Amino acid sequence: MKRFFKKVAVAAAVATAISASPVLAQDTIKYATPMDFTAVYTFLTDEYSQGQQDYVTLINENGGIDGIPVEISVSDTGNQPQRGIEAYNRAKNDGAILMDFLSTPVARAMVNRVLEDKIPMITALHGRGDASDGETFPYVFPIMATYWSQAANLISFMHEEEGGLEGKKVAHVFIDSPFGREPIPVLNKLAEKIGFELKTFPYASPGNEQSSTWSEVRRYRPDFVIIWGAGGAQAVSVRDGIRNGIKPEQIHSVVWLAEADMESVGVDVAKGVRKFQTTESGADAPVIQRIIKEVIEPGKGAGDKKNVGRTYYNIGVATMAISLEAARLAVEEFGSPLDGEKLAKGFEMIKDFDADGLIPPVTISSKDHQGGGAGRVAEWDGEKWAPISDWSAPYSDIVWEEIRAEAAAFKESNE
């Protein structure tokens, strides 16, 4: 779906409330979300953006941030860094103080620019994992578990479930790209630490054809399999894995596995598949219930109401909830109008924020922009993703070894 700077309207109630004050009437908190709606990330962007926009509407319906309305602009970059740069320049000139590109190529291209301009950029579940090092990347905020943290969490779950992984075989089946290869260093360190055997199995992008890879996996006879892809490739991995004798409960996925993928495989066929989870599933979380009551039911939603409570919708809500909590804290501490520097400090004041039960408690500091890196494992029960572990951030020492090493390399290359 093509978009060009769609702006979420400030709620009438907020406009009325601030109309008596000329200063506040001109004071709007502007966030920009130039994303890929038409190329690579189409499997999630509509749903994710809808969650973000609906949360902004919820906040505006309840008075904005200390009476200040929030405006979010949405545009399409097509996953092209040059278009991302152009969108960034427009948004910056329009007064935006936060960026979310939801595209690793675009976000990586913008790192030096946002650091120079002192405009916060959130990179939840994409971008540079080493941006978790807030001292090296003071204006880049991953705000959720990096891929390194996700890999550690999945291995920790297997280790506990099995009563130890020593001597066991773990297969890492991944799309042959930097994203697919990213967790391998951490997996290698965990294999050495715990004593399991790790073997990697790449497949060519975009991942529509994986049969030869899974034939090799079958011959390896792993005890557990980690699948590391995105979009349609993940459904292919699950389907081919099961066809090759891998039990669903042996399959563990990076965060990119959603309801649509299970529907593609067959909701009963996929029963038992596990994945890393960074938010609650479904519509039971109090904040999702509020969105339904105050935004969706009155007809103010940004998209199809069937998406509410689905995986990527909830992640969108969560990222915007964290980002607006940063704004709230910044206004409370520094007053308005906000700028990028104040907002960055607001992020670094977030402590034990769980978005009303939607996410594990997030604490962001000047050193840790990942927010703790917690997550859990959920299992497809035939109808929904059901959690089968508690929120945790295991092996953080190994994760931070990787973060610091990569951050140091970035710093050295930019000196």
Protein backbone atom coordinates (compact mmCIF):
# COMPACT_ATOMS: atom_id res chain seq x y z
CA MET A 1 0.00 0.00 0.00
CA LYS A 2 1.52 3.32 -1.08
CA ARG A 3 1.58 6.24 1.29
CA PHE A 4 3.08 9.70 1.20
CA PHE A 5 3.29 11.59 4.46
CA LYS A 6 -0.04 10.52 5.84
CA LYS A 7 -0.49 12.44 9.06
CA VAL A 8 -2.47 11.14 11.99
CA ALA A 9 -4.97 13.83 12.79
CA VAL A 10 -4.84 15.38 16.20
CA ALA A 11 -7.96 14.39 18.05
CA ALA A 12 -10.71 16.98 18.23
CA ALA A 13 -10.76 16.74 22.00
CA VAL A 14 -7.11 17.69 22.18
CA ALA A 15 -7.52 20.56 19.75
CA THR A 16 -10.38 21.92 21.83
CA ALA A 17 -8.43 21.56 25.04
CA ILE A 18 -5.46 23.54 23.77
CA SER A 19 -7.24 26.13 21.64
CA ALA A 20 -7.24 28.64 24.47
CA SER A 21 -3.44 28.69 24.53
CA PRO A 22 -1.72 30.06 21.41
CA VAL A 23 1.66 28.75 22.58
CA LEU A 24 0.49 25.17 23.06
CA ALA A 25 -1.60 25.31 19.89
CA GLN A 26 1.65 25.65 17.93
CA ASP A 27 3.56 23.16 20.03
CA THR A 28 3.21 19.70 18.50
CA ILE A 29 5.42 16.69 19.12
CA LYS A 30 6.26 15.39 15.66
CA TYR A 31 7.52 11.87 14.94
CA ALA A 32 8.36 10.57 11.46
CA THR A 33 8.08 6.97 10.25
CA PRO A 34 9.37 6.70 6.67
CA MET A 35 9.18 2.94 6.11
CA ASP A 36 9.24 0.27 3.43
CA PHE A 37 5.64 -0.36 2.41
CA THR A 38 6.32 -1.60 -1.11
CA ALA A 39 9.51 -3.69 -1.34
CA VAL A 40 11.04 -6.04 1.25
CA TYR A 41 9.31 -5.38 4.59
CA THR A 42 5.75 -5.55 3.29
CA PHE A 43 5.00 -8.62 5.41
CA LEU A 44 4.92 -6.49 8.54
CA THR A 45 4.96 -2.75 7.84
CA ASP A 46 1.23 -2.13 7.38
CA GLU A 47 0.37 -3.93 10.60
CA TYR A 48 3.26 -2.38 12.54
CA SER A 49 2.48 1.15 11.35
CA GLN A 50 -1.20 0.67 12.13
CA GLY A 51 -0.30 -0.19 15.72
CA GLN A 52 1.88 2.91 16.01
CA GLN A 53 -0.79 5.21 14.58
CA ASP A 54 -3.55 3.76 16.75
CA TYR A 55 -1.44 4.29 19.86
CA VAL A 56 -0.80 7.91 18.90
CA THR A 57 -4.55 8.37 18.46
CA LEU A 58 -5.13 6.83 21.90
CA ILE A 59 -2.68 9.26 23.48
CA ASN A 60 -4.21 12.24 21.68
CA GLU A 61 -7.72 11.17 22.69
CA ASN A 62 -6.49 11.40 26.27
CA GLY A 63 -4.91 14.85 26.08
CA GLY A 64 -1.65 14.17 24.28
CA ILE A 65 1.63 14.51 26.17
CA ASP A 66 0.94 16.96 28.98
CA GLY A 67 -1.62 18.66 26.75
CA ILE A 68 0.63 18.66 23.70
CA PRO A 69 -0.73 16.78 20.68
CA VAL A 70 1.38 14.18 18.91
CA GLU A 71 1.69 14.03 15.14
CA ILE A 72 3.12 11.04 13.28
CA SER A 73 3.96 11.25 9.58
CA VAL A 74 4.03 8.05 7.53
CA SER A 75 5.74 7.70 4.15
CA ASP A 76 7.21 5.00 1.90
CA THR A 77 10.94 4.56 1.29
CA GLY A 78 10.70 1.31 -0.68
CA ASN A 79 13.67 0.09 1.41
CA GLN A 80 15.93 2.47 -0.54
CA PRO A 81 18.50 4.44 1.49
CA GLN A 82 18.37 7.43 -0.87
CA ARG A 83 14.61 7.72 -0.49
CA GLY A 84 15.09 7.35 3.25
CA ILE A 85 17.53 10.26 3.25
CA GLU A 86 15.06 12.38 1.28
CA ALA A 87 12.23 11.50 3.69
CA TYR A 88 14.48 12.26 6.64
CA ASN A 89 15.32 15.71 5.28
CA ARG A 90 11.64 16.52 4.73
CA ALA A 91 10.70 15.31 8.20
CA LYS A 92 13.57 17.16 9.85
CA ASN A 93 12.61 20.40 8.08
CA ASP A 94 9.03 19.82 9.25
CA GLY A 95 10.20 19.64 12.86
CA ALA A 96 10.24 15.88 13.49
CA ILE A 97 12.29 14.94 16.55
CA LEU A 98 12.20 11.14 16.17
CA MET A 99 12.70 8.76 13.23
CA ASP A 100 11.70 5.13 12.72
CA PHE A 101 12.64 3.63 9.34
CA LEU A 102 11.90 -0.06 10.12
CA SER A 103 14.47 -1.00 7.48
CA THR A 104 18.00 -2.15 8.21
CA PRO A 105 19.53 -0.75 4.99
CA VAL A 106 17.93 2.66 5.50
CA ALA A 107 18.57 2.79 9.27
CA ARG A 108 22.22 1.86 8.81
CA ALA A 109 22.61 4.55 6.18
CA MET A 110 21.17 7.13 8.58
CA VAL A 111 23.26 6.38 11.69
CA ASN A 112 25.95 9.01 11.17
CA ARG A 113 23.36 11.57 10.09
CA VAL A 114 21.17 11.24 13.20
CA LEU A 115 24.25 11.26 15.43
CA GLU A 116 25.36 14.51 13.81
CA ASP A 117 21.91 16.11 13.87
CA LYS A 118 21.11 14.82 17.38
CA ILE A 119 17.75 13.40 16.34
CA PRO A 120 16.79 10.10 18.02
CA MET A 121 16.20 7.12 15.75
CA ILE A 122 14.54 3.97 17.09
CA THR A 123 15.69 0.71 15.52
CA ALA A 124 13.52 -1.89 17.21
CA LEU A 125 14.24 -5.37 15.74
CA HIS A 126 16.31 -3.95 12.87
CA GLY A 127 19.35 -1.82 12.22
CA ARG A 128 22.59 -2.14 14.20
CA GLY A 129 22.61 -4.38 17.25
CA ASP A 130 25.71 -2.60 18.54
CA ALA A 131 23.66 0.60 18.80
CA SER A 132 22.64 -0.85 22.15
CA ASP A 133 25.87 0.81 23.33
CA GLY A 134 24.45 4.22 24.13
CA GLU A 135 27.85 5.77 24.77
CA THR A 136 28.89 5.07 21.16
CA PHE A 137 25.44 5.68 19.63
CA PRO A 138 23.82 8.37 21.84
CA TYR A 139 20.93 9.03 19.42
CA VAL A 140 20.17 5.48 18.23
CA PHE A 141 17.78 3.39 20.34
CA PRO A 142 17.15 -0.33 19.59
CA ILE A 143 14.73 -0.30 22.61
CA MET A 144 14.04 -4.06 22.27
CA ALA A 145 16.03 -7.30 22.26
CA THR A 146 18.66 -7.37 19.52
CA TYR A 147 19.11 -10.47 17.37
CA TRP A 148 22.01 -11.44 19.63
CA SER A 149 19.71 -11.29 22.66
CA GLN A 150 17.07 -13.27 20.80
CA ALA A 151 19.53 -16.05 19.92
CA ALA A 152 20.68 -16.20 23.55
CA ASN A 153 17.09 -16.40 24.76
CA LEU A 154 16.22 -19.27 22.42
CA ILE A 155 19.31 -21.26 23.42
CA SER A 156 18.61 -20.64 27.10
CA PHE A 157 15.07 -21.98 26.67
CA MET A 158 16.30 -25.13 24.91
CA HIS A 159 18.94 -25.61 27.58
CA GLU A 160 16.40 -25.42 30.40
CA GLU A 161 13.75 -27.49 28.63
CA GLU A 162 16.23 -30.24 27.80
CA GLY A 163 17.86 -30.21 31.21
CA GLY A 164 21.13 -29.33 29.51
CA LEU A 165 22.29 -29.05 25.91
CA GLU A 166 25.66 -30.71 26.33
CA GLY A 167 26.23 -33.12 23.48
CA LYS A 168 23.07 -32.04 21.64
CA LYS A 169 22.92 -30.85 18.04
CA VAL A 170 21.52 -27.42 17.11
CA ALA A 171 20.97 -26.47 13.46
CA HIS A 172 20.86 -22.80 12.47
CA VAL A 173 18.88 -22.51 9.21
CA PHE A 174 19.15 -18.99 7.86
CA ILE A 175 18.71 -16.71 4.90
CA ASP A 176 22.17 -16.06 3.45
CA SER A 177 22.40 -12.36 4.29
CA PRO A 178 23.96 -10.23 7.03
CA PHE A 179 20.68 -10.54 8.96
CA GLY A 180 20.73 -14.34 8.75
CA ARG A 181 24.38 -14.54 9.73
CA GLU A 182 24.17 -12.00 12.55
CA PRO A 183 23.47 -14.39 15.46
CA ILE A 184 26.20 -16.90 14.49
CA PRO A 185 29.02 -15.38 16.62
CA VAL A 186 26.82 -15.49 19.72
CA LEU A 187 25.62 -19.01 18.90
CA ASN A 188 29.25 -20.14 18.53
CA LYS A 189 30.16 -18.69 21.92
CA LEU A 190 27.13 -20.32 23.53
CA ALA A 191 27.99 -23.66 21.91
CA GLU A 192 31.44 -23.46 23.44
CA LYS A 193 30.11 -22.37 26.83
CA ILE A 194 27.30 -24.94 27.10
CA GLY A 195 28.78 -27.79 25.09
CA PHE A 196 26.30 -28.30 22.24
CA GLU A 197 27.21 -28.82 18.60
CA LEU A 198 26.23 -26.04 16.20
CA LYS A 199 25.96 -26.43 12.44
CA THR A 200 24.78 -23.68 10.10
CA PHE A 201 22.65 -24.16 6.98
CA PRO A 202 22.21 -21.13 4.68
CA TYR A 203 19.66 -20.79 1.90
CA ALA A 204 19.58 -18.25 -0.91
CA SER A 205 17.49 -15.08 -0.68
CA PRO A 206 14.54 -14.54 -0.86
CA GLY A 207 13.99 -18.02 0.60
CA ASN A 208 11.15 -19.29 -1.58
CA GLU A 209 13.14 -22.44 -2.34
CA GLN A 210 14.81 -24.22 0.59
CA SER A 211 14.34 -27.93 -0.22
CA SER A 212 18.04 -28.77 -0.71
CA THR A 213 18.94 -26.99 2.55
CA TRP A 214 16.39 -28.98 4.52
CA SER A 215 17.57 -32.23 2.99
CA GLU A 216 20.96 -31.46 4.53
CA VAL A 217 19.31 -30.60 7.85
CA ARG A 218 17.46 -33.93 7.82
CA ARG A 219 20.74 -35.82 7.35
CA TYR A 220 22.27 -33.88 10.23
CA ARG A 221 19.46 -35.06 12.55
CA PRO A 222 19.47 -32.08 14.92
CA ASP A 223 17.86 -32.05 18.34
CA PHE A 224 16.77 -28.43 17.81
CA VAL A 225 16.49 -26.09 14.84
CA ILE A 226 16.66 -22.30 14.83
CA ILE A 227 15.09 -20.69 11.76
CA TRP A 228 16.33 -17.22 10.93
CA GLY A 229 14.47 -15.54 8.08
CA ALA A 230 11.60 -13.16 7.55
CA GLY A 231 8.35 -12.86 5.62
CA GLY A 232 7.35 -15.75 3.39
CA ALA A 233 10.71 -17.48 3.88
CA GLN A 234 9.75 -18.32 7.45
CA ALA A 235 6.62 -20.22 6.42
CA VAL A 236 8.73 -22.08 3.85
CA SER A 237 11.22 -23.02 6.59
CA VAL A 238 8.51 -24.35 8.88
CA ARG A 239 6.81 -26.26 6.07
CA ASP A 240 10.03 -27.78 4.70
CA GLY A 241 11.30 -28.60 8.17
CA ILE A 242 8.18 -30.56 9.05
CA ARG A 243 8.23 -32.31 5.66
CA ASN A 244 11.77 -33.45 6.43
CA GLY A 245 10.86 -35.06 9.72
CA ILE A 246 11.59 -32.16 12.06
CA LYS A 247 8.93 -32.03 14.75
CA PRO A 248 7.22 -28.64 15.15
CA GLU A 249 8.36 -28.41 18.77
CA GLN A 250 11.98 -28.73 17.62
CA ILE A 251 11.65 -25.57 15.50
CA HIS A 252 12.52 -22.26 17.18
CA SER A 253 12.30 -18.94 15.34
CA VAL A 254 13.65 -15.44 15.52
CA VAL A 255 10.91 -12.87 16.27
CA TRP A 256 9.79 -12.78 12.61
CA LEU A 257 7.12 -15.48 12.68
CA ALA A 258 3.50 -14.40 12.86
CA GLU A 259 -0.09 -15.55 12.62
CA ALA A 260 -0.11 -15.21 8.83
CA ASP A 261 2.84 -17.59 8.58
CA MET A 262 1.05 -20.22 10.64
CA GLU A 263 -2.04 -19.81 8.48
CA SER A 264 0.14 -20.33 5.41
CA VAL A 265 1.66 -23.53 6.81
CA GLY A 266 -1.64 -24.72 8.28
CA VAL A 267 -2.61 -23.79 11.81
CA ASP A 268 -2.85 -27.42 12.91
CA VAL A 269 0.22 -28.57 10.99
CA ALA A 270 2.33 -25.88 12.66
CA LYS A 271 1.07 -26.60 16.18
CA GLY A 272 4.04 -26.73 18.53
CA VAL A 273 6.40 -24.38 16.66
CA ARG A 274 8.20 -21.94 18.97
CA LYS A 275 9.47 -18.40 18.48
CA PHE A 276 11.09 -15.53 20.33
CA GLN A 277 8.49 -13.05 21.55
CA THR A 278 9.02 -9.43 22.49
CA THR A 279 5.40 -8.43 23.28
CA GLU A 280 2.24 -10.06 24.55
CA SER A 281 0.15 -11.77 21.87
CA GLY A 282 -3.53 -11.16 21.29
CA ALA A 283 -5.78 -8.39 22.50
CA ASP A 284 -5.85 -9.10 26.24
CA ALA A 285 -3.20 -6.58 27.32
CA PRO A 286 -4.87 -3.56 28.97
CA VAL A 287 -3.38 -1.09 26.48
CA ILE A 288 -4.78 -3.06 23.52
CA GLN A 289 -8.16 -3.18 25.23
CA ARG A 290 -8.03 0.60 25.62
CA ILE A 291 -7.20 1.01 21.94
CA ILE A 292 -10.15 -1.18 21.01
CA LYS A 293 -12.53 0.77 23.22
CA GLU A 294 -11.28 4.31 22.58
CA VAL A 295 -9.91 4.12 19.03
CA ILE A 296 -11.20 1.11 17.10
CA GLU A 297 -14.83 0.99 18.23
CA PRO A 298 -15.38 4.75 17.61
CA GLY A 299 -14.05 4.24 14.08
CA LYS A 300 -10.77 6.13 14.50
CA GLY A 301 -8.41 3.24 13.73
CA ALA A 302 -5.70 3.50 11.08
CA GLY A 303 -6.43 0.18 9.37
CA ASP A 304 -8.28 -3.13 9.36
CA LYS A 305 -9.54 -3.93 12.86
CA LYS A 306 -8.74 -7.63 12.34
CA ASN A 307 -5.05 -6.71 12.75
CA VAL A 308 -5.53 -5.45 16.29
CA GLY A 309 -3.75 -7.81 18.68
CA ARG A 310 -1.72 -9.58 16.00
CA THR A 311 2.05 -9.92 16.39
CA TYR A 312 3.30 -7.00 14.32
CA TYR A 313 0.47 -4.69 15.36
CA ASN A 314 1.39 -5.20 19.01
CA ILE A 315 5.06 -4.57 18.27
CA GLY A 316 4.09 -1.29 16.60
CA VAL A 317 2.05 -0.29 19.65
CA ALA A 318 4.99 -1.17 21.90
CA THR A 319 7.57 0.85 19.98
CA MET A 320 5.36 3.93 19.98
CA ALA A 321 4.48 3.46 23.64
CA ILE A 322 8.17 3.47 24.55
CA SER A 323 8.84 6.45 22.29
CA LEU A 324 6.02 8.51 23.78
CA GLU A 325 7.00 7.53 27.31
CA ALA A 326 10.35 9.11 26.47
CA ALA A 327 8.53 12.26 25.35
CA ARG A 328 6.43 12.31 28.51
CA LEU A 329 9.48 12.05 30.74
CA ALA A 330 11.34 14.67 28.72
CA VAL A 331 8.46 17.18 28.93
CA GLU A 332 8.14 16.48 32.65
CA GLU A 333 11.86 17.05 33.22
CA PHE A 334 12.75 19.76 30.68
CA GLY A 335 9.45 21.32 29.60
CA SER A 336 8.35 22.03 26.04
CA PRO A 337 9.03 22.48 23.24
CA LEU A 338 11.01 19.28 22.89
CA ASP A 339 14.00 18.79 20.63
CA GLY A 340 16.10 15.74 19.80
CA GLU A 341 18.52 16.25 22.68
CA LYS A 342 15.75 16.48 25.26
CA LEU A 343 13.98 13.48 23.79
CA ALA A 344 17.16 11.37 23.89
CA LYS A 345 17.51 12.19 27.57
CA GLY A 346 13.86 11.21 28.01
CA PHE A 347 14.60 7.77 26.57
CA GLU A 348 17.46 7.39 29.03
CA MET A 349 15.10 8.11 31.94
CA ILE A 350 12.78 5.19 31.12
CA LYS A 351 12.77 2.70 33.98
CA ASP A 352 10.75 -0.53 34.28
CA PHE A 353 8.25 0.61 31.65
CA ASP A 354 5.99 -2.23 30.49
CA ALA A 355 3.40 -0.36 28.39
CA ASP A 356 0.62 -1.43 30.74
CA GLY A 357 1.59 -5.10 30.59
CA LEU A 358 2.30 -5.33 26.85
CA ILE A 359 6.08 -5.81 27.08
CA PRO A 360 8.71 -6.96 29.57
CA PRO A 361 9.89 -4.11 31.81
CA VAL A 362 12.20 -1.84 29.80
CA THR A 363 14.92 0.25 31.40
CA ILE A 364 17.03 2.46 29.14
CA SER A 365 20.16 4.23 30.32
CA SER A 366 22.96 6.24 28.76
CA LYS A 367 24.92 2.99 28.49
CA ASP A 368 22.15 0.55 27.51
CA HIS A 369 19.89 1.61 24.65
CA GLN A 370 18.58 -1.94 24.19
CA GLY A 371 16.48 -1.54 27.32
CA GLY A 372 17.61 -4.75 28.97
CA GLY A 373 17.04 -7.09 26.02
CA ALA A 374 14.39 -9.24 27.65
CA GLY A 375 12.01 -11.54 25.82
CA ARG A 376 10.48 -14.99 26.07
CA VAL A 377 9.53 -18.04 24.04
CA ALA A 378 5.98 -18.60 22.80
CA GLU A 379 4.47 -21.70 21.18
CA TRP A 380 1.85 -21.88 18.46
CA ASP A 381 -1.06 -23.77 20.04
CA GLY A 382 -3.12 -24.04 16.86
CA GLU A 383 -4.93 -20.74 17.40
CA LYS A 384 -2.50 -18.27 18.94
CA TRP A 385 1.00 -17.73 20.31
CA ALA A 386 1.01 -18.96 23.90
CA PRO A 387 3.97 -18.07 26.16
CA ILE A 388 5.91 -21.05 27.51
CA SER A 389 8.67 -19.19 29.33
CA ASP A 390 9.01 -16.10 31.48
CA TRP A 391 10.48 -12.78 30.43
CA SER A 392 14.25 -12.96 30.76
CA ALA A 393 17.55 -11.73 29.30
CA PRO A 394 19.93 -14.70 29.62
CA TYR A 395 23.63 -14.75 28.78
CA SER A 396 23.76 -10.96 28.75
CA ASP A 397 27.52 -11.10 29.32
CA ILE A 398 28.01 -12.87 25.98
CA VAL A 399 25.54 -10.56 24.24
CA TRP A 400 27.33 -7.47 25.53
CA GLU A 401 30.70 -8.83 24.49
CA GLU A 402 29.38 -8.76 20.92
CA ILE A 403 27.74 -5.36 21.33
CA ARG A 404 30.91 -3.75 22.67
CA ALA A 405 33.18 -5.37 20.09
CA GLU A 406 31.02 -4.18 17.18
CA ALA A 407 30.57 -0.73 18.71
CA ALA A 408 34.33 -0.39 19.17
CA ALA A 409 34.88 -1.30 15.51
CA PHE A 410 32.31 1.33 14.46
CA LYS A 411 33.97 3.95 16.64
CA GLU A 412 37.42 3.16 15.27
CA SER A 413 36.22 3.34 11.67
CA ASN A 414 34.65 6.76 12.30
CA GLU A 415 37.57 8.40 14.10
